[in-house]
Structures are given as C-alpha cells and as structure tokens.
Amino acid sequence: MTKYLLYGLLIYLAAINIVAFFLYGIDKWKARHDKWRITEARLIWIAVAGGSIGALLGMKIWHHKTKHAKFRFGLPAILILQIAAVVAAVYYCHMG
C-alpha cells in the first residue's frame, strides 16, 4: 500500500466520520423541531461506508438512537467488522 493511498484513506475516513457525527446531531435537532428526518437507513449506511466511529460518537454525544437495538448493537458490530477488515488487509498486504 503506497503512502498516498494510505493518506487518501485516512482523509476519507476522517471526512466520513465527521459527516456521520454531524448527521446524527442534525437528525436529533430535526426530531426535536418536528422537521423532515434523515432516514434510519441513511444513518446506518453512513456507518457502513466507514463512518462507524462518528456514528457511535454522534449517538453518545447527541443522545440519539440510543434505544434502538439496530443502532445500539448494529453500529458496534459494523465497527468490529471494519476493524477486522483493516487488520486482515494489512496482514495480507504484508504477507504478499
């Protein structure tokens, strides 16, 4: 893995996690003000796309979606799978 690919990946992950964090905050604000909401599917997909840390922090900081099992258990499961994928990719890159 070249250092530019690694830098690009780190920039992407930082950006997607910031977006995820603020999407949870925006959705919480919209819920309190009876506005058009961000769909649960979109909130989960942003985590799947790499924003699982930002989504979990958004849940914690904004106290949003904390009672929903698919968020409370699903987001940590997504994060664990993402960590496993990164560990496997690094391992296989160094083996080859």
PDB file of N, CA and C in Angstrom:
ATOM      1  N   MET A   1       0.859  -1.169   0.000  1.00  0.00           N
ATOM      2  CA  MET A   1       0.000   0.000   0.000  1.00  0.00           C
ATOM      3  C   MET A   1       0.907   1.235   0.000  1.00  0.00           C
ATOM      4  N   THR A   2       0.714   2.085  -0.994  1.00  0.00           N
ATOM      5  CA  THR A   2       1.545   3.276  -1.053  1.00  0.00           C
ATOM      6  C   THR A   2       1.126   4.262   0.017  1.00  0.00           C
ATOM      7  N   LYS A   3       2.046   5.151   0.334  1.00  0.00           N
ATOM      8  CA  LYS A   3       1.722   6.125   1.382  1.00  0.00           C
ATOM      9  C   LYS A   3       0.626   7.086   0.922  1.00  0.00           C
ATOM     10  N   TYR A   4       0.524   7.344  -0.381  1.00  0.00           N
ATOM     11  CA  TYR A   4      -0.530   8.239  -0.873  1.00  0.00           C
ATOM     12  C   TYR A   4      -1.902   7.590  -0.765  1.00  0.00           C
ATOM     13  N   LEU A   5      -1.961   6.299  -1.019  1.00  0.00           N
ATOM     14  CA  LEU A   5      -3.215   5.574  -0.850  1.00  0.00           C
ATOM     15  C   LEU A   5      -3.612   5.574   0.622  1.00  0.00           C
ATOM     16  N   LEU A   6      -2.649   5.375   1.493  1.00  0.00           N
ATOM     17  CA  LEU A   6      -2.915   5.397   2.927  1.00  0.00           C
ATOM     18  C   LEU A   6      -3.389   6.779   3.375  1.00  0.00           C
ATOM     19  N   TYR A   7      -2.732   7.841   2.908  1.00  0.00           N
ATOM     20  CA  TYR A   7      -3.157   9.202   3.250  1.00  0.00           C
ATOM     21  C   TYR A   7      -4.565   9.478   2.739  1.00  0.00           C
ATOM     22  N   GLY A   8      -4.836   9.050   1.518  1.00  0.00           N
ATOM     23  CA  GLY A   8      -6.173   9.231   0.949  1.00  0.00           C
ATOM     24  C   GLY A   8      -7.227   8.520   1.772  1.00  0.00           C
ATOM     25  N   LEU A   9      -6.919   7.303   2.190  1.00  0.00           N
ATOM     26  CA  LEU A   9      -7.846   6.531   3.018  1.00  0.00           C
ATOM     27  C   LEU A   9      -8.074   7.214   4.359  1.00  0.00           C
ATOM     28  N   LEU A  10      -7.015   7.713   4.966  1.00  0.00           N
ATOM     29  CA  LEU A  10      -7.157   8.406   6.257  1.00  0.00           C
ATOM     30  C   LEU A  10      -7.987   9.679   6.126  1.00  0.00           C
ATOM     31  N   ILE A  11      -7.774  10.421   5.042  1.00  0.00           N
ATOM     32  CA  ILE A  11      -8.565  11.639   4.807  1.00  0.00           C
ATOM     33  C   ILE A  11     -10.030  11.271   4.601  1.00  0.00           C
ATOM     34  N   TYR A  12     -10.284  10.223   3.804  1.00  0.00           N
ATOM     35  CA  TYR A  12     -11.656   9.768   3.580  1.00  0.00           C
ATOM     36  C   TYR A  12     -12.321   9.376   4.896  1.00  0.00           C
ATOM     37  N   LEU A  13     -11.627   8.574   5.703  1.00  0.00           N
ATOM     38  CA  LEU A  13     -12.203   8.113   6.970  1.00  0.00           C
ATOM     39  C   LEU A  13     -12.468   9.270   7.927  1.00  0.00           C
ATOM     40  N   ALA A  14     -11.557  10.234   7.968  1.00  0.00           N
ATOM     41  CA  ALA A  14     -11.785  11.408   8.821  1.00  0.00           C
ATOM     42  C   ALA A  14     -13.023  12.163   8.340  1.00  0.00           C
ATOM     43  N   ALA A  15     -13.129  12.370   7.046  1.00  0.00           N
ATOM     44  CA  ALA A  15     -14.260  13.126   6.495  1.00  0.00           C
ATOM     45  C   ALA A  15     -15.580  12.403   6.710  1.00  0.00           C
ATOM     46  N   ILE A  16     -15.631  11.107   6.424  1.00  0.00           N
ATOM     47  CA  ILE A  16     -16.882  10.357   6.547  1.00  0.00           C
ATOM     48  C   ILE A  16     -17.327  10.264   8.002  1.00  0.00           C
ATOM     49  N   ASN A  17     -16.374  10.200   8.922  1.00  0.00           N
ATOM     50  CA  ASN A  17     -16.734  10.157  10.341  1.00  0.00           C
ATOM     51  C   ASN A  17     -17.228  11.505  10.846  1.00  0.00           C
ATOM     52  N   ILE A  18     -16.666  12.582  10.344  1.00  0.00           N
ATOM     53  CA  ILE A  18     -17.168  13.915  10.699  1.00  0.00           C
ATOM     54  C   ILE A  18     -18.586  14.086  10.175  1.00  0.00           C
ATOM     55  N   VAL A  19     -18.813  13.678   8.927  1.00  0.00           N
ATOM     56  CA  VAL A  19     -20.154  13.761   8.340  1.00  0.00           C
ATOM     57  C   VAL A  19     -21.139  12.921   9.149  1.00  0.00           C
ATOM     58  N   ALA A  20     -20.755  11.691   9.488  1.00  0.00           N
ATOM     59  CA  ALA A  20     -21.640  10.818  10.264  1.00  0.00           C
ATOM     60  C   ALA A  20     -21.987  11.447  11.607  1.00  0.00           C
ATOM     61  N   PHE A  21     -20.987  11.971  12.291  1.00  0.00           N
ATOM     62  CA  PHE A  21     -21.212  12.593  13.595  1.00  0.00           C
ATOM     63  C   PHE A  21     -22.247  13.715  13.483  1.00  0.00           C
ATOM     64  N   PHE A  22     -22.067  14.590  12.497  1.00  0.00           N
ATOM     65  CA  PHE A  22     -22.989  15.719  12.369  1.00  0.00           C
ATOM     66  C   PHE A  22     -24.352  15.309  11.827  1.00  0.00           C
ATOM     67  N   LEU A  23     -24.429  14.249  11.030  1.00  0.00           N
ATOM     68  CA  LEU A  23     -25.739  13.771  10.585  1.00  0.00           C
ATOM     69  C   LEU A  23     -26.588  13.323  11.768  1.00  0.00           C
ATOM     70  N   TYR A  24     -25.965  12.662  12.737  1.00  0.00           N
ATOM     71  CA  TYR A  24     -26.704  12.246  13.931  1.00  0.00           C
ATOM     72  C   TYR A  24     -27.168  13.460  14.725  1.00  0.00           C
ATOM     73  N   GLY A  25     -26.327  14.477  14.813  1.00  0.00           N
ATOM     74  CA  GLY A  25     -26.730  15.704  15.503  1.00  0.00           C
ATOM     75  C   GLY A  25     -27.839  16.439  14.777  1.00  0.00           C
ATOM     76  N   ILE A  26     -27.736  16.510  13.462  1.00  0.00           N
ATOM     77  CA  ILE A  26     -28.775  17.174  12.662  1.00  0.00           C
ATOM     78  C   ILE A  26     -30.099  16.436  12.792  1.00  0.00           C
ATOM     79  N   ASP A  27     -30.045  15.095  12.737  1.00  0.00           N
ATOM     80  CA  ASP A  27     -31.280  14.329  12.855  1.00  0.00           C
ATOM     81  C   ASP A  27     -31.908  14.500  14.232  1.00  0.00           C
ATOM     82  N   LYS A  28     -31.095  14.582  15.251  1.00  0.00           N
ATOM     83  CA  LYS A  28     -31.616  14.820  16.604  1.00  0.00           C
ATOM     84  C   LYS A  28     -32.297  16.182  16.665  1.00  0.00           C
ATOM     85  N   TRP A  29     -31.668  17.189  16.077  1.00  0.00           N
ATOM     86  CA  TRP A  29     -32.257  18.536  16.062  1.00  0.00           C
ATOM     87  C   TRP A  29     -33.584  18.505  15.305  1.00  0.00           C
ATOM     88  N   LYS A  30     -33.604  17.819  14.160  1.00  0.00           N
ATOM     89  CA  LYS A  30     -34.831  17.723  13.370  1.00  0.00           C
ATOM     90  C   LYS A  30     -35.927  16.997  14.140  1.00  0.00           C
ATOM     91  N   ALA A  31     -35.567  15.989  14.911  1.00  0.00           N
ATOM     92  CA  ALA A  31     -36.554  15.256  15.701  1.00  0.00           C
ATOM     93  C   ALA A  31     -37.183  16.166  16.752  1.00  0.00           C
ATOM     94  N   ARG A  32     -36.372  16.987  17.369  1.00  0.00           N
ATOM     95  CA  ARG A  32     -36.888  17.900  18.404  1.00  0.00           C
ATOM     96  C   ARG A  32     -37.744  19.030  17.837  1.00  0.00           C
ATOM     97  N   HIS A  33     -37.498  19.388  16.586  1.00  0.00           N
ATOM     98  CA  HIS A  33     -38.203  20.513  15.970  1.00  0.00           C
ATOM     99  C   HIS A  33     -39.237  20.082  14.939  1.00  0.00           C
ATOM    100  N   ASP A  34     -39.611  18.806  14.972  1.00  0.00           N
ATOM    101  CA  ASP A  34     -40.647  18.261  14.106  1.00  0.00           C
ATOM    102  C   ASP A  34     -40.401  18.593  12.634  1.00  0.00           C
ATOM    103  N   LYS A  35     -39.169  18.374  12.195  1.00  0.00           N
ATOM    104  CA  LYS A  35     -38.765  18.623  10.806  1.00  0.00           C
ATOM    105  C   LYS A  35     -38.617  17.302  10.066  1.00  0.00           C
ATOM    106  N   TRP A  36     -38.454  17.397   8.749  1.00  0.00           N
ATOM    107  CA  TRP A  36     -38.220  16.219   7.919  1.00  0.00           C
ATOM    108  C   TRP A  36     -36.939  15.535   8.367  1.00  0.00           C
ATOM    109  N   ARG A  37     -37.006  14.221   8.648  1.00  0.00           N
ATOM    110  CA  ARG A  37     -35.905  13.495   9.275  1.00  0.00           C
ATOM    111  C   ARG A  37     -34.986  12.824   8.272  1.00  0.00           C
ATOM    112  N   ILE A  38     -33.787  12.522   8.718  1.00  0.00           N
ATOM    113  CA  ILE A  38     -32.848  11.695   7.975  1.00  0.00           C
ATOM    114  C   ILE A  38     -33.263  10.247   8.226  1.00  0.00           C
ATOM    115  N   THR A  39     -33.349   9.451   7.169  1.00  0.00           N
ATOM    116  CA  THR A  39     -33.834   8.081   7.337  1.00  0.00           C
ATOM    117  C   THR A  39     -32.855   7.246   8.160  1.00  0.00           C
ATOM    118  N   GLU A  40     -33.407   6.258   8.859  1.00  0.00           N
ATOM    119  CA  GLU A  40     -32.555   5.348   9.627  1.00  0.00           C
ATOM    120  C   GLU A  40     -31.615   4.593   8.702  1.00  0.00           C
ATOM    121  N   ALA A  41     -32.094   4.244   7.515  1.00  0.00           N
ATOM    122  CA  ALA A  41     -31.241   3.537   6.552  1.00  0.00           C
ATOM    123  C   ALA A  41     -30.032   4.385   6.186  1.00  0.00           C
ATOM    124  N   ARG A  42     -30.233   5.669   5.974  1.00  0.00           N
ATOM    125  CA  ARG A  42     -29.112   6.548   5.629  1.00  0.00           C
ATOM    126  C   ARG A  42     -28.140   6.662   6.798  1.00  0.00           C
ATOM    127  N   LEU A  43     -28.651   6.732   8.018  1.00  0.00           N
ATOM    128  CA  LEU A  43     -27.781   6.811   9.191  1.00  0.00           C
ATOM    129  C   LEU A  43     -26.944   5.542   9.345  1.00  0.00           C
ATOM    130  N   ILE A  44     -27.526   4.397   9.036  1.00  0.00           N
ATOM    131  CA  ILE A  44     -26.774   3.150   9.119  1.00  0.00           C
ATOM    132  C   ILE A  44     -25.775   3.052   7.970  1.00  0.00           C
ATOM    133  N   TRP A  45     -26.196   3.436   6.764  1.00  0.00           N
ATOM    134  CA  TRP A  45     -25.292   3.333   5.608  1.00  0.00           C
ATOM    135  C   TRP A  45     -24.077   4.236   5.721  1.00  0.00           C
ATOM    136  N   ILE A  46     -24.213   5.370   6.369  1.00  0.00           N
ATOM    137  CA  ILE A  46     -23.039   6.239   6.563  1.00  0.00           C
ATOM    138  C   ILE A  46     -22.018   5.530   7.453  1.00  0.00           C
ATOM    139  N   ALA A  47     -22.511   4.735   8.403  1.00  0.00           N
ATOM    140  CA  ALA A  47     -21.603   3.948   9.254  1.00  0.00           C
ATOM    141  C   ALA A  47     -20.947   2.836   8.441  1.00  0.00           C
ATOM    142  N   VAL A  48     -21.725   2.165   7.614  1.00  0.00           N
ATOM    143  CA  VAL A  48     -21.185   1.093   6.774  1.00  0.00           C
ATOM    144  C   VAL A  48     -20.126   1.642   5.817  1.00  0.00           C
ATOM    145  N   ALA A  49     -20.325   2.866   5.353  1.00  0.00           N
ATOM    146  CA  ALA A  49     -19.393   3.495   4.402  1.00  0.00           C
ATOM    147  C   ALA A  49     -18.083   3.921   5.056  1.00  0.00           C
ATOM    148  N   GLY A  50     -17.946   3.667   6.350  1.00  0.00           N
ATOM    149  CA  GLY A  50     -16.698   3.983   7.038  1.00  0.00           C
ATOM    150  C   GLY A  50     -16.868   4.956   8.189  1.00  0.00           C
ATOM    151  N   GLY A  51     -18.084   5.421   8.420  1.00  0.00           N
ATOM    152  CA  GLY A  51     -18.319   6.415   9.464  1.00  0.00           C
ATOM    153  C   GLY A  51     -18.826   5.844  10.766  1.00  0.00           C
ATOM    154  N   SER A  52     -18.455   4.616  11.081  1.00  0.00           N
ATOM    155  CA  SER A  52     -18.996   3.969  12.280  1.00  0.00           C
ATOM    156  C   SER A  52     -18.527   4.644  13.574  1.00  0.00           C
ATOM    157  N   ILE A  53     -17.320   5.135  13.607  1.00  0.00           N
ATOM    158  CA  ILE A  53     -16.834   5.814  14.814  1.00  0.00           C
ATOM    159  C   ILE A  53     -17.590   7.129  15.006  1.00  0.00           C
ATOM    160  N   GLY A  54     -17.752   7.882  13.938  1.00  0.00           N
ATOM    161  CA  GLY A  54     -18.504   9.136  14.011  1.00  0.00           C
ATOM    162  C   GLY A  54     -19.956   8.898  14.390  1.00  0.00           C
ATOM    163  N   ALA A  55     -20.544   7.819  13.857  1.00  0.00           N
ATOM    164  CA  ALA A  55     -21.929   7.487  14.188  1.00  0.00           C
ATOM    165  C   ALA A  55     -22.061   7.130  15.667  1.00  0.00           C
ATOM    166  N   LEU A  56     -21.137   6.326  16.172  1.00  0.00           N
ATOM    167  CA  LEU A  56     -21.180   5.966  17.593  1.00  0.00           C
ATOM    168  C   LEU A  56     -20.978   7.186  18.483  1.00  0.00           C
ATOM    169  N   LEU A  57     -20.049   8.048  18.104  1.00  0.00           N
ATOM    170  CA  LEU A  57     -19.854   9.282  18.880  1.00  0.00           C
ATOM    171  C   LEU A  57     -21.081  10.179  18.808  1.00  0.00           C
ATOM    172  N   GLY A  58     -21.709  10.232  17.623  1.00  0.00           N
ATOM    173  CA  GLY A  58     -22.935  11.010  17.471  1.00  0.00           C
ATOM    174  C   GLY A  58     -24.051  10.487  18.355  1.00  0.00           C
ATOM    175  N   MET A  59     -24.169   9.157  18.420  1.00  0.00           N
ATOM    176  CA  MET A  59     -25.170   8.568  19.311  1.00  0.00           C
ATOM    177  C   MET A  59     -24.901   8.976  20.754  1.00  0.00           C
ATOM    178  N   LYS A  60     -23.641   8.911  21.150  1.00  0.00           N
ATOM    179  CA  LYS A  60     -23.263   9.192  22.539  1.00  0.00           C
ATOM    180  C   LYS A  60     -23.429  10.682  22.874  1.00  0.00           C
ATOM    181  N   ILE A  61     -22.886  11.543  22.039  1.00  0.00           N
ATOM    182  CA  ILE A  61     -22.900  12.986  22.325  1.00  0.00           C
ATOM    183  C   ILE A  61     -24.300  13.577  22.203  1.00  0.00           C
ATOM    184  N   TRP A  62     -25.001  13.221  21.118  1.00  0.00           N
ATOM    185  CA  TRP A  62     -26.322  13.814  20.869  1.00  0.00           C
ATOM    186  C   TRP A  62     -27.442  13.029  21.555  1.00  0.00           C
ATOM    187  N   HIS A  63     -27.126  11.886  22.185  1.00  0.00           N
ATOM    188  CA  HIS A  63     -28.134  11.016  22.816  1.00  0.00           C
ATOM    189  C   HIS A  63     -29.228  10.685  21.811  1.00  0.00           C
ATOM    190  N   HIS A  64     -28.797  10.182  20.654  1.00  0.00           N
ATOM    191  CA  HIS A  64     -29.727   9.935  19.561  1.00  0.00           C
ATOM    192  C   HIS A  64     -29.673   8.478  19.123  1.00  0.00           C
ATOM    193  N   LYS A  65     -30.815   7.875  18.980  1.00  0.00           N
ATOM    194  CA  LYS A  65     -30.979   6.486  18.541  1.00  0.00           C
ATOM    195  C   LYS A  65     -30.396   5.490  19.542  1.00  0.00           C
ATOM    196  N   THR A  66     -30.253   5.886  20.782  1.00  0.00           N
ATOM    197  CA  THR A  66     -29.629   5.020  21.783  1.00  0.00           C
ATOM    198  C   THR A  66     -30.553   3.901  22.257  1.00  0.00           C
ATOM    199  N   LYS A  67     -31.859   4.038  22.031  1.00  0.00           N
ATOM    200  CA  LYS A  67     -32.799   2.999  22.472  1.00  0.00           C
ATOM    201  C   LYS A  67     -33.133   2.006  21.366  1.00  0.00           C
ATOM    202  N   HIS A  68     -32.679   2.279  20.161  1.00  0.00           N
ATOM    203  CA  HIS A  68     -32.959   1.401  19.031  1.00  0.00           C
ATOM    204  C   HIS A  68     -31.896   0.301  18.971  1.00  0.00           C
ATOM    205  N   ALA A  69     -32.329  -0.955  19.045  1.00  0.00           N
ATOM    206  CA  ALA A  69     -31.392  -2.086  19.078  1.00  0.00           C
ATOM    207  C   ALA A  69     -30.517  -2.136  17.831  1.00  0.00           C
ATOM    208  N   LYS A  70     -31.092  -1.801  16.673  1.00  0.00           N
ATOM    209  CA  LYS A  70     -30.283  -1.894  15.456  1.00  0.00           C
ATOM    210  C   LYS A  70     -29.154  -0.879  15.449  1.00  0.00           C
ATOM    211  N   PHE A  71     -29.291   0.192  16.189  1.00  0.00           N
ATOM    212  CA  PHE A  71     -28.206   1.160  16.323  1.00  0.00           C
ATOM    213  C   PHE A  71     -27.294   0.796  17.495  1.00  0.00           C
ATOM    214  N   ARG A  72     -27.895   0.456  18.617  1.00  0.00           N
ATOM    215  CA  ARG A  72     -27.123   0.154  19.818  1.00  0.00           C
ATOM    216  C   ARG A  72     -26.213  -1.056  19.633  1.00  0.00           C
ATOM    217  N   PHE A  73     -26.690  -2.056  18.893  1.00  0.00           N
ATOM    218  CA  PHE A  73     -25.882  -3.256  18.664  1.00  0.00           C
ATOM    219  C   PHE A  73     -25.288  -3.293  17.261  1.00  0.00           C
ATOM    220  N   GLY A  74     -26.018  -2.717  16.302  1.00  0.00           N
ATOM    221  CA  GLY A  74     -25.580  -2.751  14.912  1.00  0.00           C
ATOM    222  C   GLY A  74     -24.337  -1.927  14.648  1.00  0.00           C
ATOM    223  N   LEU A  75     -24.284  -0.716  15.193  1.00  0.00           N
ATOM    224  CA  LEU A  75     -23.124   0.145  14.945  1.00  0.00           C
ATOM    225  C   LEU A  75     -21.836  -0.427  15.541  1.00  0.00           C
ATOM    226  N   PRO A  76     -21.845  -0.934  16.766  1.00  0.00           N
ATOM    227  CA  PRO A  76     -20.616  -1.572  17.256  1.00  0.00           C
ATOM    228  C   PRO A  76     -20.224  -2.796  16.416  1.00  0.00           C
ATOM    229  N   ALA A  77     -21.213  -3.550  15.929  1.00  0.00           N
ATOM    230  CA  ALA A  77     -20.914  -4.713  15.085  1.00  0.00           C
ATOM    231  C   ALA A  77     -20.266  -4.263  13.777  1.00  0.00           C
ATOM    232  N   ILE A  78     -20.777  -3.179  13.196  1.00  0.00           N
ATOM    233  CA  ILE A  78     -20.190  -2.641  11.968  1.00  0.00           C
ATOM    234  C   ILE A  78     -18.747  -2.221  12.230  1.00  0.00           C
ATOM    235  N   LEU A  79     -18.510  -1.536  13.336  1.00  0.00           N
ATOM    236  CA  LEU A  79     -17.160  -1.097  13.675  1.00  0.00           C
ATOM    237  C   LEU A  79     -16.215  -2.291  13.839  1.00  0.00           C
ATOM    238  N   ILE A  80     -16.667  -3.331  14.518  1.00  0.00           N
ATOM    239  CA  ILE A  80     -15.832  -4.522  14.710  1.00  0.00           C
ATOM    240  C   ILE A  80     -15.490  -5.159  13.363  1.00  0.00           C
ATOM    241  N   LEU A  81     -16.473  -5.257  12.481  1.00  0.00           N
ATOM    242  CA  LEU A  81     -16.219  -5.816  11.148  1.00  0.00           C
ATOM    243  C   LEU A  81     -15.237  -4.959  10.354  1.00  0.00           C
ATOM    244  N   GLN A  82     -15.362  -3.641  10.483  1.00  0.00           N
ATOM    245  CA  GLN A  82     -14.440  -2.747   9.774  1.00  0.00           C
ATOM    246  C   GLN A  82     -13.022  -2.876  10.314  1.00  0.00           C
ATOM    247  N   ILE A  83     -12.886  -2.978  11.615  1.00  0.00           N
ATOM    248  CA  ILE A  83     -11.556  -3.161  12.210  1.00  0.00           C
ATOM    249  C   ILE A  83     -10.968  -4.489  11.751  1.00  0.00           C
ATOM    250  N   ALA A  84     -11.781  -5.546  11.734  1.00  0.00           N
ATOM    251  CA  ALA A  84     -11.309  -6.856  11.278  1.00  0.00           C
ATOM    252  C   ALA A  84     -10.873  -6.794   9.813  1.00  0.00           C
ATOM    253  N   ALA A  85     -11.609  -6.066   8.989  1.00  0.00           N
ATOM    254  CA  ALA A  85     -11.257  -5.942   7.571  1.00  0.00           C
ATOM    255  C   ALA A  85      -9.933  -5.209   7.399  1.00  0.00           C
ATOM    256  N   VAL A  86      -9.724  -4.158   8.178  1.00  0.00           N
ATOM    257  CA  VAL A  86      -8.466  -3.406   8.095  1.00  0.00           C
ATOM    258  C   VAL A  86      -7.299  -4.275   8.560  1.00  0.00           C
ATOM    259  N   VAL A  87      -7.474  -4.972   9.660  1.00  0.00           N
ATOM    260  CA  VAL A  87      -6.419  -5.854  10.177  1.00  0.00           C
ATOM    261  C   VAL A  87      -6.092  -6.929   9.141  1.00  0.00           C
ATOM    262  N   ALA A  88      -7.130  -7.531   8.546  1.00  0.00           N
ATOM    263  CA  ALA A  88      -6.897  -8.560   7.525  1.00  0.00           C
ATOM    264  C   ALA A  88      -6.191  -7.983   6.314  1.00  0.00           C
ATOM    265  N   ALA A  89      -6.592  -6.805   5.875  1.00  0.00           N
ATOM    266  CA  ALA A  89      -5.952  -6.183   4.700  1.00  0.00           C
ATOM    267  C   ALA A  89      -4.486  -5.872   4.972  1.00  0.00           C
ATOM    268  N   VAL A  90      -4.188  -5.337   6.139  1.00  0.00           N
ATOM    269  CA  VAL A  90      -2.807  -5.036   6.493  1.00  0.00           C
ATOM    270  C   VAL A  90      -1.989  -6.331   6.581  1.00  0.00           C
ATOM    271  N   TYR A  91      -2.579  -7.348   7.191  1.00  0.00           N
ATOM    272  CA  TYR A  91      -1.882  -8.630   7.317  1.00  0.00           C
ATOM    273  C   TYR A  91      -1.575  -9.213   5.945  1.00  0.00           C
ATOM    274  N   TYR A  92      -2.566  -9.264   5.060  1.00  0.00           N
ATOM    275  CA  TYR A  92      -2.375  -9.857   3.746  1.00  0.00           C
ATOM    276  C   TYR A  92      -1.462  -9.007   2.866  1.00  0.00           C
ATOM    277  N   CYS A  93      -1.469  -7.690   3.036  1.00  0.00           N
ATOM    278  CA  CYS A  93      -0.561  -6.833   2.269  1.00  0.00           C
ATOM    279  C   CYS A  93       0.892  -7.084   2.673  1.00  0.00           C
ATOM    280  N   HIS A  94       1.111  -7.349   3.943  1.00  0.00           N
ATOM    281  CA  HIS A  94       2.475  -7.583   4.408  1.00  0.00           C
ATOM    282  C   HIS A  94       2.930  -9.023   4.141  1.00  0.00           C
ATOM    283  N   MET A  95       1.996  -9.926   3.956  1.00  0.00           N
ATOM    284  CA  MET A  95       2.333 -11.317   3.659  1.00  0.00           C
ATOM    285  C   MET A  95       2.749 -11.461   2.190  1.00  0.00           C
ATOM    286  N   GLY A  96       2.163 -10.644   1.309  1.00  0.00           N
ATOM    287  CA  GLY A  96       2.414 -10.776  -0.130  1.00  0.00           C
ATOM    288  C   GLY A  96       3.494  -9.896  -0.549  1.00  0.00           C
TER     289      GLY A  96
END
